[in-house]
C-alpha atoms as a PDB file:
ATOM      1  CA  UNK A   1       0.000   0.000   0.000  1.00  0.00           C
ATOM      2  CA  UNK A   2       1.325   3.445  -0.933  1.00  0.00           C
ATOM      3  CA  UNK A   3       2.231   5.718   1.957  1.00  0.00           C
ATOM      4  CA  UNK A   4       0.144   8.896   2.152  1.00  0.00           C
ATOM      5  CA  UNK A   5       2.172  11.966   1.255  1.00  0.00           C
ATOM      6  CA  UNK A   6       2.848  14.271   4.203  1.00  0.00           C
ATOM      7  CA  UNK A   7       1.369  17.778   3.916  1.00  0.00           C
ATOM      8  CA  UNK A   8       1.946  21.062   5.735  1.00  0.00           C
ATOM      9  CA  UNK A   9      -1.381  20.432   7.486  1.00  0.00           C
ATOM     10  CA  UNK A  10      -0.027  17.165   8.972  1.00  0.00           C
ATOM     11  CA  UNK A  11       2.953  19.019  10.466  1.00  0.00           C
ATOM     12  CA  UNK A  12       0.617  21.720  11.812  1.00  0.00           C
ATOM     13  CA  UNK A  13      -1.598  19.094  13.524  1.00  0.00           C
ATOM     14  CA  UNK A  14       1.390  17.506  15.308  1.00  0.00           C
ATOM     15  CA  UNK A  15       2.593  20.883  16.640  1.00  0.00           C
ATOM     16  CA  UNK A  16      -0.903  22.331  17.171  1.00  0.00           C
ATOM     17  CA  UNK A  17      -0.127  25.424  15.100  1.00  0.00           C
ATOM     18  CA  UNK A  18      -1.637  26.791  11.873  1.00  0.00           C
ATOM     19  CA  UNK A  19      -0.568  25.520   8.412  1.00  0.00           C
ATOM     20  CA  UNK A  20       0.414  29.097   7.469  1.00  0.00           C
ATOM     21  CA  UNK A  21       2.797  29.194  10.466  1.00  0.00           C
ATOM     22  CA  UNK A  22       4.368  25.925   9.283  1.00  0.00           C
ATOM     23  CA  UNK A  23       4.771  27.327   5.765  1.00  0.00           C
ATOM     24  CA  UNK A  24       6.409  30.494   7.063  1.00  0.00           C
ATOM     25  CA  UNK A  25       8.732  28.475   9.316  1.00  0.00           C
ATOM     26  CA  UNK A  26       9.825  26.274   6.402  1.00  0.00           C
ATOM     27  CA  UNK A  27      10.555  29.422   4.378  1.00  0.00           C
ATOM     28  CA  UNK A  28      12.564  30.970   7.253  1.00  0.00           C
ATOM     29  CA  UNK A  29      10.156  33.889   7.739  1.00  0.00           C
ATOM     30  CA  UNK A  30      11.628  36.508  10.133  1.00  0.00           C
ATOM     31  CA  UNK A  31       8.378  36.762  12.160  1.00  0.00           C
ATOM     32  CA  UNK A  32       8.558  33.079  13.186  1.00  0.00           C
ATOM     33  CA  UNK A  33      10.689  32.294  16.259  1.00  0.00           C
ATOM     34  CA  UNK A  34      13.810  30.138  15.993  1.00  0.00           C
ATOM     35  CA  UNK A  35      12.209  27.695  18.478  1.00  0.00           C
ATOM     36  CA  UNK A  36       9.183  27.170  16.193  1.00  0.00           C
ATOM     37  CA  UNK A  37      11.363  26.887  13.085  1.00  0.00           C
ATOM     38  CA  UNK A  38      13.473  24.175  14.757  1.00  0.00           C
ATOM     39  CA  UNK A  39      10.359  22.270  15.883  1.00  0.00           C
ATOM     40  CA  UNK A  40       8.775  22.472  12.414  1.00  0.00           C
ATOM     41  CA  UNK A  41      11.931  21.240  10.663  1.00  0.00           C
ATOM     42  CA  UNK A  42      12.271  18.351  13.158  1.00  0.00           C
ATOM     43  CA  UNK A  43       8.682  17.163  12.585  1.00  0.00           C
ATOM     44  CA  UNK A  44       8.991  17.692   8.821  1.00  0.00           C
ATOM     45  CA  UNK A  45      12.051  15.426   8.805  1.00  0.00           C
ATOM     46  CA  UNK A  46      10.357  12.777  10.991  1.00  0.00           C
ATOM     47  CA  UNK A  47       7.288  12.717   8.730  1.00  0.00           C
ATOM     48  CA  UNK A  48       9.505  12.727   5.585  1.00  0.00           C
ATOM     49  CA  UNK A  49       7.829  15.871   4.289  1.00  0.00           C
ATOM     50  CA  UNK A  50       8.619  16.742   0.649  1.00  0.00           C
ATOM     51  CA  UNK A  51       7.872  20.335  -0.406  1.00  0.00           C
ATOM     52  CA  UNK A  52       5.559  20.873  -3.374  1.00  0.00           C
ATOM     53  CA  UNK A  53       7.829  22.584  -5.887  1.00  0.00           C
ATOM     54  CA  UNK A  54       4.971  23.418  -8.240  1.00  0.00           C
ATOM     55  CA  UNK A  55       3.022  25.178  -5.503  1.00  0.00           C
ATOM     56  CA  UNK A  56       6.193  26.980  -4.440  1.00  0.00           C
ATOM     57  CA  UNK A  57       6.822  28.019  -8.044  1.00  0.00           C
ATOM     58  CA  UNK A  58       3.331  29.487  -8.320  1.00  0.00           C
ATOM     59  CA  UNK A  59       3.874  31.517  -5.148  1.00  0.00           C
ATOM     60  CA  UNK A  60       7.397  32.748  -5.881  1.00  0.00           C
ATOM     61  CA  UNK A  61       7.294  32.882  -9.674  1.00  0.00           C
ATOM     62  CA  UNK A  62      10.407  30.648  -9.794  1.00  0.00           C
ATOM     63  CA  UNK A  63      10.676  26.864  -9.613  1.00  0.00           C
ATOM     64  CA  UNK A  64      14.505  26.825  -9.465  1.00  0.00           C
ATOM     65  CA  UNK A  65      14.271  24.071 -12.085  1.00  0.00           C
ATOM     66  CA  UNK A  66      15.808  24.172 -15.563  1.00  0.00           C
ATOM     67  CA  UNK A  67      14.984  21.609 -18.229  1.00  0.00           C
ATOM     68  CA  UNK A  68      17.400  20.216 -20.770  1.00  0.00           C
ATOM     69  CA  UNK A  69      16.671  18.211 -23.932  1.00  0.00           C
ATOM     70  CA  UNK A  70      19.502  16.222 -25.509  1.00  0.00           C
ATOM     71  CA  UNK A  71      19.575  13.648 -28.291  1.00  0.00           C
ATOM     72  CA  UNK A  72      21.179  10.871 -26.228  1.00  0.00           C
ATOM     73  CA  UNK A  73      22.226  10.827 -22.595  1.00  0.00           C
ATOM     74  CA  UNK A  74      24.748   8.020 -23.235  1.00  0.00           C
ATOM     75  CA  UNK A  75      26.826  10.229 -25.541  1.00  0.00           C
ATOM     76  CA  UNK A  76      30.046  11.361 -23.863  1.00  0.00           C
ATOM     77  CA  UNK A  77      29.676  14.803 -25.458  1.00  0.00           C
ATOM     78  CA  UNK A  78      26.153  15.362 -24.097  1.00  0.00           C
ATOM     79  CA  UNK A  79      26.858  13.779 -20.690  1.00  0.00           C
ATOM     80  CA  UNK A  80      29.958  15.922 -20.120  1.00  0.00           C
ATOM     81  CA  UNK A  81      28.131  19.086 -21.266  1.00  0.00           C
ATOM     82  CA  UNK A  82      25.264  18.268 -18.857  1.00  0.00           C
ATOM     83  CA  UNK A  83      27.694  17.601 -15.998  1.00  0.00           C
ATOM     84  CA  UNK A  84      29.256  21.020 -16.541  1.00  0.00           C
ATOM     85  CA  UNK A  85      25.833  22.725 -16.801  1.00  0.00           C
ATOM     86  CA  UNK A  86      24.564  21.069 -13.614  1.00  0.00           C
ATOM     87  CA  UNK A  87      27.706  22.028 -11.682  1.00  0.00           C
ATOM     88  CA  UNK A  88      27.217  25.710 -12.567  1.00  0.00           C
ATOM     89  CA  UNK A  89      23.452  25.701 -11.939  1.00  0.00           C
ATOM     90  CA  UNK A  90      23.787  23.993  -8.539  1.00  0.00           C
ATOM     91  CA  UNK A  91      26.023  26.856  -7.367  1.00  0.00           C
ATOM     92  CA  UNK A  92      23.018  29.161  -7.835  1.00  0.00           C
ATOM     93  CA  UNK A  93      20.487  26.812  -6.213  1.00  0.00           C
ATOM     94  CA  UNK A  94      19.029  25.456  -9.470  1.00  0.00           C
ATOM     95  CA  UNK A  95      18.382  21.814 -10.351  1.00  0.00           C
ATOM     96  CA  UNK A  96      18.458  20.257 -13.813  1.00  0.00           C
ATOM     97  CA  UNK A  97      15.639  18.113 -15.254  1.00  0.00           C
ATOM     98  CA  UNK A  98      17.135  15.900 -17.975  1.00  0.00           C
ATOM     99  CA  UNK A  99      15.129  14.598 -20.937  1.00  0.00           C
ATOM    100  CA  UNK A 100      16.279  12.912 -24.138  1.00  0.00           C
ATOM    101  CA  UNK A 101      14.731  12.903 -27.601  1.00  0.00           C
ATOM    102  CA  UNK A 102      16.505   9.815 -28.988  1.00  0.00           C
ATOM    103  CA  UNK A 103      16.686  11.900 -32.207  1.00  0.00           C
ATOM    104  CA  UNK A 104      12.851  11.823 -32.425  1.00  0.00           C
ATOM    105  CA  UNK A 105      10.953  15.040 -33.223  1.00  0.00           C
ATOM    106  CA  UNK A 106       7.768  13.630 -31.668  1.00  0.00           C
ATOM    107  CA  UNK A 107       9.538  12.792 -28.397  1.00  0.00           C
ATOM    108  CA  UNK A 108      11.217  16.206 -28.417  1.00  0.00           C
ATOM    109  CA  UNK A 109       7.774  17.860 -28.582  1.00  0.00           C
ATOM    110  CA  UNK A 110       6.506  15.721 -25.683  1.00  0.00           C
ATOM    111  CA  UNK A 111       9.590  16.681 -23.660  1.00  0.00           C
ATOM    112  CA  UNK A 112       8.909  20.384 -24.267  1.00  0.00           C
ATOM    113  CA  UNK A 113       5.283  19.989 -23.125  1.00  0.00           C
ATOM    114  CA  UNK A 114       6.389  18.124 -19.980  1.00  0.00           C
ATOM    115  CA  UNK A 115       8.976  20.789 -19.094  1.00  0.00           C
ATOM    116  CA  UNK A 116       6.500  23.628 -19.620  1.00  0.00           C
ATOM    117  CA  UNK A 117       3.946  21.837 -17.404  1.00  0.00           C
ATOM    118  CA  UNK A 118       6.655  21.445 -14.732  1.00  0.00           C
ATOM    119  CA  UNK A 119       6.988  25.245 -14.667  1.00  0.00           C
ATOM    120  CA  UNK A 120      10.733  25.246 -15.399  1.00  0.00           C
ATOM    121  CA  UNK A 121      12.461  28.623 -15.285  1.00  0.00           C
ATOM    122  CA  UNK A 122      14.426  27.969 -18.483  1.00  0.00           C
ATOM    123  CA  UNK A 123      14.990  25.354 -21.181  1.00  0.00           C
ATOM    124  CA  UNK A 124      18.290  24.254 -22.731  1.00  0.00           C
ATOM    125  CA  UNK A 125      18.170  22.113 -25.870  1.00  0.00           C
ATOM    126  CA  UNK A 126      20.145  20.448 -28.633  1.00  0.00           C
ATOM    127  CA  UNK A 127      17.846  19.671 -31.566  1.00  0.00           C
ATOM    128  CA  UNK A 128      16.982  16.109 -32.603  1.00  0.00           C
ATOM    129  CA  UNK A 129      18.145  14.921 -36.032  1.00  0.00           C
ATOM    130  CA  UNK A 130      14.504  14.636 -37.140  1.00  0.00           C
ATOM    131  CA  UNK A 131      13.593  18.224 -36.209  1.00  0.00           C
ATOM    132  CA  UNK A 132      12.726  20.444 -39.161  1.00  0.00           C
ATOM    133  CA  UNK A 133       9.625  22.134 -37.682  1.00  0.00           C
ATOM    134  CA  UNK A 134      10.339  24.656 -34.925  1.00  0.00           C
ATOM    135  CA  UNK A 135       6.781  25.493 -33.785  1.00  0.00           C
ATOM    136  CA  UNK A 136       7.326  23.820 -30.418  1.00  0.00           C
ATOM    137  CA  UNK A 137      10.427  25.907 -29.793  1.00  0.00           C
ATOM    138  CA  UNK A 138       8.477  29.043 -30.650  1.00  0.00           C
ATOM    139  CA  UNK A 139       5.922  27.823 -28.061  1.00  0.00           C
ATOM    140  CA  UNK A 140       8.660  28.081 -25.402  1.00  0.00           C
ATOM    141  CA  UNK A 141       9.388  31.661 -26.463  1.00  0.00           C
ATOM    142  CA  UNK A 142       5.684  32.544 -26.460  1.00  0.00           C
ATOM    143  CA  UNK A 143       5.494  31.333 -22.849  1.00  0.00           C
ATOM    144  CA  UNK A 144       8.271  33.781 -21.957  1.00  0.00           C
ATOM    145  CA  UNK A 145      10.635  30.973 -20.938  1.00  0.00           C
ATOM    146  CA  UNK A 146      14.331  31.632 -21.676  1.00  0.00           C
ATOM    147  CA  UNK A 147      15.587  29.166 -24.302  1.00  0.00           C
ATOM    148  CA  UNK A 148      19.259  28.400 -24.948  1.00  0.00           C
ATOM    149  CA  UNK A 149      20.358  26.101 -27.786  1.00  0.00           C
ATOM    150  CA  UNK A 150      23.735  24.363 -27.917  1.00  0.00           C
ATOM    151  CA  UNK A 151      25.631  22.146 -30.357  1.00  0.00           C
ATOM    152  CA  UNK A 152      22.671  21.723 -32.717  1.00  0.00           C
ATOM    153  CA  UNK A 153      20.958  25.071 -33.100  1.00  0.00           C
ATOM    154  CA  UNK A 154      18.831  26.860 -35.633  1.00  0.00           C
ATOM    155  CA  UNK A 155      19.159  30.522 -36.557  1.00  0.00           C
ATOM    156  CA  UNK A 156      15.462  30.787 -37.461  1.00  0.00           C
ATOM    157  CA  UNK A 157      14.401  30.240 -33.832  1.00  0.00           C
ATOM    158  CA  UNK A 158      16.203  33.473 -32.925  1.00  0.00           C
ATOM    159  CA  UNK A 159      17.587  32.589 -29.471  1.00  0.00           C
ATOM    160  CA  UNK A 160      20.981  32.229 -27.794  1.00  0.00           C
ATOM    161  CA  UNK A 161      23.219  29.539 -29.287  1.00  0.00           C
ATOM    162  CA  UNK A 162      26.519  28.116 -28.027  1.00  0.00           C
ATOM    163  CA  UNK A 163      28.698  25.697 -29.989  1.00  0.00           C
ATOM    164  CA  UNK A 164      31.854  25.264 -32.008  1.00  0.00           C
ATOM    165  CA  UNK A 165      32.601  26.535 -35.517  1.00  0.00           C
ATOM    166  CA  UNK A 166      31.378  23.566 -37.568  1.00  0.00           C
ATOM    167  CA  UNK A 167      32.389  25.103 -40.904  1.00  0.00           C
ATOM    168  CA  UNK A 168      35.945  25.657 -39.634  1.00  0.00           C
ATOM    169  CA  UNK A 169      36.023  22.096 -38.255  1.00  0.00           C
ATOM    170  CA  UNK A 170      35.615  20.644 -41.743  1.00  0.00           C
ATOM    171  CA  UNK A 171      38.289  22.973 -43.089  1.00  0.00           C
ATOM    172  CA  UNK A 172      40.718  21.839 -40.377  1.00  0.00           C
ATOM    173  CA  UNK A 173      39.979  18.157 -41.095  1.00  0.00           C
ATOM    174  CA  UNK A 174      40.323  18.405 -44.882  1.00  0.00           C
ATOM    175  CA  UNK A 175      43.508  20.499 -44.544  1.00  0.00           C
ATOM    176  CA  UNK A 176      44.983  17.831 -42.264  1.00  0.00           C
ATOM    177  CA  UNK A 177      44.069  15.006 -44.653  1.00  0.00           C
ATOM    178  CA  UNK A 178      45.552  16.888 -47.629  1.00  0.00           C
ATOM    179  CA  UNK A 179      48.760  17.407 -45.617  1.00  0.00           C
ATOM    180  CA  UNK A 180      48.824  13.621 -45.180  1.00  0.00           C
ATOM    181  CA  UNK A 181      48.743  13.227 -48.972  1.00  0.00           C
ATOM    182  CA  UNK A 182      45.017  12.376 -49.348  1.00  0.00           C
ATOM    183  CA  UNK A 183      43.398  13.381 -52.643  1.00  0.00           C
ATOM    184  CA  UNK A 184      40.060  11.554 -52.649  1.00  0.00           C
ATOM    185  CA  UNK A 185      38.291  12.420 -49.399  1.00  0.00           C
ATOM    186  CA  UNK A 186      34.837  10.987 -48.587  1.00  0.00           C
ATOM    187  CA  UNK A 187      32.451  12.557 -46.063  1.00  0.00           C
ATOM    188  CA  UNK A 188      29.947  10.531 -44.024  1.00  0.00           C
ATOM    189  CA  UNK A 189      27.755  13.472 -43.042  1.00  0.00           C
ATOM    190  CA  UNK A 190      24.809  14.124 -40.766  1.00  0.00           C
ATOM    191  CA  UNK A 191      21.494  15.167 -42.304  1.00  0.00           C
ATOM    192  CA  UNK A 192      21.915  18.491 -44.100  1.00  0.00           C
ATOM    193  CA  UNK A 193      18.591  19.900 -42.805  1.00  0.00           C
ATOM    194  CA  UNK A 194      20.360  20.217 -39.422  1.00  0.00           C
ATOM    195  CA  UNK A 195      22.408  23.405 -39.467  1.00  0.00           C
ATOM    196  CA  UNK A 196      25.578  22.027 -37.851  1.00  0.00           C
ATOM    197  CA  UNK A 197      25.815  19.227 -40.424  1.00  0.00           C
ATOM    198  CA  UNK A 198      24.910  21.644 -43.206  1.00  0.00           C
ATOM    199  CA  UNK A 199      27.834  23.819 -42.091  1.00  0.00           C
ATOM    200  CA  UNK A 200      30.177  20.812 -41.897  1.00  0.00           C
ATOM    201  CA  UNK A 201      29.173  19.780 -45.431  1.00  0.00           C
ATOM    202  CA  UNK A 202      29.698  23.340 -46.684  1.00  0.00           C
ATOM    203  CA  UNK A 203      33.113  23.492 -45.002  1.00  0.00           C
ATOM    204  CA  UNK A 204      34.049  20.127 -46.517  1.00  0.00           C
ATOM    205  CA  UNK A 205      33.064  21.205 -50.059  1.00  0.00           C
ATOM    206  CA  UNK A 206      34.773  24.591 -49.799  1.00  0.00           C
ATOM    207  CA  UNK A 207      37.966  22.966 -48.489  1.00  0.00           C
ATOM    208  CA  UNK A 208      37.985  20.527 -51.420  1.00  0.00           C
ATOM    209  CA  UNK A 209      37.662  23.470 -53.845  1.00  0.00           C
ATOM    210  CA  UNK A 210      40.459  25.343 -52.057  1.00  0.00           C
ATOM    211  CA  UNK A 211      42.773  22.375 -52.590  1.00  0.00           C
ATOM    212  CA  UNK A 212      41.477  21.810 -56.145  1.00  0.00           C
ATOM    213  CA  UNK A 213      40.266  18.316 -55.265  1.00  0.00           C
ATOM    214  CA  UNK A 214      37.335  16.636 -57.065  1.00  0.00           C
ATOM    215  CA  UNK A 215      33.800  17.033 -55.674  1.00  0.00           C
ATOM    216  CA  UNK A 216      32.378  13.588 -56.304  1.00  0.00           C
ATOM    217  CA  UNK A 217      28.718  13.257 -55.236  1.00  0.00           C
ATOM    218  CA  UNK A 218      29.349   9.557 -54.545  1.00  0.00           C
ATOM    219  CA  UNK A 219      31.800  10.536 -51.807  1.00  0.00           C
ATOM    220  CA  UNK A 220      29.205  12.542 -49.810  1.00  0.00           C
ATOM    221  CA  UNK A 221      26.753  10.363 -47.885  1.00  0.00           C
ATOM    222  CA  UNK A 222      24.193  11.713 -45.366  1.00  0.00           C
ATOM    223  CA  UNK A 223      22.857   9.670 -42.464  1.00  0.00           C
ATOM    224  CA  UNK A 224      22.139   9.308 -38.755  1.00  0.00           C
ATOM    225  CA  UNK A 225      25.818   8.880 -37.784  1.00  0.00           C
ATOM    226  CA  UNK A 226      25.153   5.794 -35.626  1.00  0.00           C
ATOM    227  CA  UNK A 227      27.618   2.864 -35.636  1.00  0.00           C
ATOM    228  CA  UNK A 228      25.233   0.942 -37.902  1.00  0.00           C
ATOM    229  CA  UNK A 229      24.932   3.916 -40.234  1.00  0.00           C
ATOM    230  CA  UNK A 230      28.731   4.309 -40.356  1.00  0.00           C
ATOM    231  CA  UNK A 231      29.022   0.644 -41.289  1.00  0.00           C
ATOM    232  CA  UNK A 232      26.376   0.922 -44.029  1.00  0.00           C
ATOM    233  CA  UNK A 233      27.921   4.075 -45.517  1.00  0.00           C
ATOM    234  CA  UNK A 234      31.411   2.533 -45.502  1.00  0.00           C
ATOM    235  CA  UNK A 235      30.073  -0.529 -47.330  1.00  0.00           C
ATOM    236  CA  UNK A 236      28.673   1.849 -49.994  1.00  0.00           C
ATOM    237  CA  UNK A 237      32.026   3.595 -50.348  1.00  0.00           C
ATOM    238  CA  UNK A 238      33.834   0.265 -50.768  1.00  0.00           C
ATOM    239  CA  UNK A 239      31.589  -0.573 -53.735  1.00  0.00           C
ATOM    240  CA  UNK A 240      32.796   2.469 -55.707  1.00  0.00           C
ATOM    241  CA  UNK A 241      34.989   1.811 -58.782  1.00  0.00           C
ATOM    242  CA  UNK A 242      37.596   4.155 -57.281  1.00  0.00           C
ATOM    243  CA  UNK A 243      37.984   3.956 -53.510  1.00  0.00           C
ATOM    244  CA  UNK A 244      38.492   7.037 -51.337  1.00  0.00           C
ATOM    245  CA  UNK A 245      41.897   7.411 -49.692  1.00  0.00           C
ATOM    246  CA  UNK A 246      40.344   9.149 -46.664  1.00  0.00           C
ATOM    247  CA  UNK A 247      37.006   9.164 -44.819  1.00  0.00           C
ATOM    248  CA  UNK A 248      35.817  12.063 -42.659  1.00  0.00           C
ATOM    249  CA  UNK A 249      32.818  11.047 -40.516  1.00  0.00           C
ATOM    250  CA  UNK A 250      30.807  13.834 -38.848  1.00  0.00           C
ATOM    251  CA  UNK A 251      30.424  11.699 -35.698  1.00  0.00           C
ATOM    252  CA  UNK A 252      32.731   9.305 -33.843  1.00  0.00           C
ATOM    253  CA  UNK A 253      30.194   6.468 -33.712  1.00  0.00           C
ATOM    254  CA  UNK A 254      29.901   6.545 -37.514  1.00  0.00           C
ATOM    255  CA  UNK A 255      33.710   6.634 -37.701  1.00  0.00           C
ATOM    256  CA  UNK A 256      33.847   3.538 -35.463  1.00  0.00           C
ATOM    257  CA  UNK A 257      31.367   1.724 -37.726  1.00  0.00           C
ATOM    258  CA  UNK A 258      33.444   2.682 -40.780  1.00  0.00           C
ATOM    259  CA  UNK A 259      36.617   1.428 -39.074  1.00  0.00           C
ATOM    260  CA  UNK A 260      34.996  -1.924 -38.276  1.00  0.00           C
ATOM    261  CA  UNK A 261      34.008  -2.433 -41.936  1.00  0.00           C
ATOM    262  CA  UNK A 262      37.456  -1.461 -43.230  1.00  0.00           C
ATOM    263  CA  UNK A 263      39.100  -3.931 -40.849  1.00  0.00           C
ATOM    264  CA  UNK A 264      36.645  -6.676 -41.882  1.00  0.00           C
ATOM    265  CA  UNK A 265      37.686  -6.029 -45.510  1.00  0.00           C
ATOM    266  CA  UNK A 266      41.389  -6.111 -44.553  1.00  0.00           C
ATOM    267  CA  UNK A 267      41.861  -2.456 -45.508  1.00  0.00           C
ATOM    268  CA  UNK A 268      44.791  -0.910 -43.696  1.00  0.00           C
ATOM    269  CA  UNK A 269      44.041   2.299 -41.758  1.00  0.00           C
ATOM    270  CA  UNK A 270      45.582   4.784 -42.433  1.00  0.00           C
ATOM    271  CA  UNK A 271      47.910   3.286 -45.093  1.00  0.00           C
ATOM    272  CA  UNK A 272      45.107   2.658 -47.608  1.00  0.00           C
ATOM    273  CA  UNK A 273      42.315   4.823 -46.175  1.00  0.00           C
ATOM    274  CA  UNK A 274      42.810   7.488 -43.503  1.00  0.00           C
ATOM    275  CA  UNK A 275      39.974   8.095 -41.022  1.00  0.00           C
ATOM    276  CA  UNK A 276      38.804  11.139 -39.032  1.00  0.00           C
ATOM    277  CA  UNK A 277      35.826  11.338 -36.656  1.00  0.00           C
ATOM    278  CA  UNK A 278      34.090  14.087 -34.709  1.00  0.00           C
ATOM    279  CA  UNK A 279      33.416  14.665 -30.942  1.00  0.00           C
ATOM    280  CA  UNK A 280      36.465  13.002 -29.374  1.00  0.00           C
ATOM    281  CA  UNK A 281      34.417  10.290 -27.636  1.00  0.00           C
ATOM    282  CA  UNK A 282      36.525   8.362 -25.039  1.00  0.00           C
ATOM    283  CA  UNK A 283      36.691   5.218 -27.197  1.00  0.00           C
ATOM    284  CA  UNK A 284      38.531   7.087 -29.993  1.00  0.00           C
ATOM    285  CA  UNK A 285      41.800   6.837 -28.046  1.00  0.00           C
ATOM    286  CA  UNK A 286      41.228   3.187 -27.093  1.00  0.00           C
ATOM    287  CA  UNK A 287      40.524   1.468 -30.443  1.00  0.00           C
ATOM    288  CA  UNK A 288      43.232   0.266 -32.847  1.00  0.00           C
ATOM    289  CA  UNK A 289      44.252   2.431 -34.551  1.00  0.00           C
ATOM    290  CA  UNK A 290      43.206   5.340 -32.313  1.00  0.00           C
ATOM    291  CA  UNK A 291      40.850   7.665 -34.231  1.00  0.00           C
ATOM    292  CA  UNK A 292      41.709  11.283 -35.057  1.00  0.00           C
ATOM    293  CA  UNK A 293      38.781  13.458 -33.949  1.00  0.00           C
ATOM    294  CA  UNK A 294      37.542  16.998 -33.319  1.00  0.00           C
ATOM    295  CA  UNK A 295      37.389  18.085 -29.671  1.00  0.00           C
ATOM    296  CA  UNK A 296      34.339  20.302 -29.046  1.00  0.00           C
ATOM    297  CA  UNK A 297      35.277  21.872 -25.688  1.00  0.00           C
ATOM    298  CA  UNK A 298      32.393  20.085 -23.928  1.00  0.00           C
ATOM    299  CA  UNK A 299      32.923  21.474 -20.432  1.00  0.00           C
ATOM    300  CA  UNK A 300      33.415  25.030 -21.674  1.00  0.00           C
ATOM    301  CA  UNK A 301      30.182  24.787 -23.702  1.00  0.00           C
ATOM    302  CA  UNK A 302      28.339  23.524 -20.602  1.00  0.00           C
ATOM    303  CA  UNK A 303      29.671  26.344 -18.435  1.00  0.00           C
ATOM    304  CA  UNK A 304      28.729  29.005 -21.003  1.00  0.00           C
ATOM    305  CA  UNK A 305      25.237  27.498 -21.496  1.00  0.00           C
ATOM    306  CA  UNK A 306      24.582  27.570 -17.734  1.00  0.00           C
ATOM    307  CA  UNK A 307      25.822  31.145 -17.417  1.00  0.00           C
ATOM    308  CA  UNK A 308      23.682  32.240 -20.360  1.00  0.00           C
ATOM    309  CA  UNK A 309      20.455  30.640 -19.113  1.00  0.00           C
ATOM    310  CA  UNK A 310      20.948  32.177 -15.642  1.00  0.00           C
ATOM    311  CA  UNK A 311      21.620  35.556 -17.231  1.00  0.00           C
ATOM    312  CA  UNK A 312      18.364  35.300 -19.193  1.00  0.00           C
ATOM    313  CA  UNK A 313      16.336  34.110 -16.172  1.00  0.00           C
ATOM    314  CA  UNK A 314      17.564  37.034 -14.088  1.00  0.00           C
ATOM    315  CA  UNK A 315      17.007  39.587 -16.873  1.00  0.00           C
ATOM    316  CA  UNK A 316      13.606  41.143 -16.114  1.00  0.00           C
ATOM    317  CA  UNK A 317      13.521  42.628 -19.634  1.00  0.00           C
ATOM    318  CA  UNK A 318      14.349  39.314 -21.320  1.00  0.00           C
ATOM    319  CA  UNK A 319      13.616  39.283 -25.027  1.00  0.00           C
ATOM    320  CA  UNK A 320      14.687  36.301 -27.172  1.00  0.00           C
ATOM    321  CA  UNK A 321      17.490  37.310 -29.530  1.00  0.00           C
ATOM    322  CA  UNK A 322      19.890  35.481 -31.806  1.00  0.00           C
ATOM    323  CA  UNK A 323      23.116  35.698 -29.824  1.00  0.00           C
ATOM    324  CA  UNK A 324      25.869  33.247 -30.770  1.00  0.00           C
ATOM    325  CA  UNK A 325      28.924  32.159 -28.793  1.00  0.00           C
ATOM    326  CA  UNK A 326      31.175  30.181 -31.147  1.00  0.00           C
ATOM    327  CA  UNK A 327      34.243  28.302 -29.883  1.00  0.00           C
ATOM    328  CA  UNK A 328      37.216  27.282 -32.018  1.00  0.00           C
ATOM    329  CA  UNK A 329      37.438  23.517 -32.664  1.00  0.00           C
ATOM    330  CA  UNK A 330      40.582  21.517 -31.939  1.00  0.00           C
ATOM    331  CA  UNK A 331      41.754  18.512 -33.970  1.00  0.00           C
ATOM    332  CA  UNK A 332      43.188  15.692 -31.842  1.00  0.00           C
ATOM    333  CA  UNK A 333      45.475  13.864 -34.283  1.00  0.00           C
ATOM    334  CA  UNK A 334      45.890  10.115 -33.753  1.00  0.00           C
ATOM    335  CA  UNK A 335      47.179   7.149 -35.769  1.00  0.00           C
ATOM    336  CA  UNK A 336      44.039   6.655 -37.914  1.00  0.00           C
ATOM    337  CA  UNK A 337      45.028   9.607 -40.127  1.00  0.00           C
ATOM    338  CA  UNK A 338      48.833   9.763 -39.815  1.00  0.00           C
ATOM    339  CA  UNK A 339      49.706   8.706 -43.374  1.00  0.00           C
ATOM    340  CA  UNK A 340      52.675  11.033 -43.767  1.00  0.00           C
ATOM    341  CA  UNK A 341      54.410   9.623 -40.683  1.00  0.00           C
ATOM    342  CA  UNK A 342      54.131   6.118 -42.156  1.00  0.00           C
ATOM    343  CA  UNK A 343      55.447   7.239 -45.540  1.00  0.00           C
ATOM    344  CA  UNK A 344      58.548   8.790 -43.975  1.00  0.00           C
ATOM    345  CA  UNK A 345      59.470   5.773 -41.865  1.00  0.00           C
END
């Protein structure tokens, strides 16, 4: 049988005082004596009283709760960003409610509804791969709730965005591969309707043009960037009459899938095909060969996101605006792309 939830009235009955006196004591009201406050807190603890945050939010106008929507909580990038966000928010007395979309637009919409019903003071989000309709994000703005986007953002929503320079990331990767002697570079990309992947594709194409390398449509494959997707895309590339001599995957899991397929086909990495991933997931340094990848400054992004959402919550004249904070990417070079070193041995 479920235990009945303790209320302020239950505490009042034990102490023979009014519920309003209990409420004031729990909120450290100056007109309540220290003796009464101590007695109320002791009984509240004995009865395992849990405050009603929603009721408190209605009274104070603040719930001290901030919601976050991420694609996958098991991603090292998202988990480390969330850890950094939570650390900063906790310093200011805020708690984080974590939801995940699993890359589903429908689930993302349900998450937004749930967070709005919970009366959160702000929402932080990274868009799902499926998201092309932003009505639900406009719903957040219409409710006057500060909205901060990170990693995967969209200019059309017109709110704060924090992430790395995705266009520059592709330039850095292609430049590195060209320095290693690569001339036929394939790109396993994310879906181009998502702005970050659109920018990575644009950076990839522009870098090819800069180096006067061929733009072969068969070398550009869009997908979900899962391990399975990386495997499938690599199988497609291996069926081409002329193989690529390098593969740049816009996600480390896709890069891992591509590596598995190349090893199953006895293709030497990087001697025959160099490989670069994106996100610097922990496994990239543990596989053989270790995978070259872009580091996205996860903890710095998390810290900036937390600071920005708190700034917006505390700004009484808050108006949503497109304000971008863009960090410079860093390429962590490992053995999967070090062709030149092999050629000079």
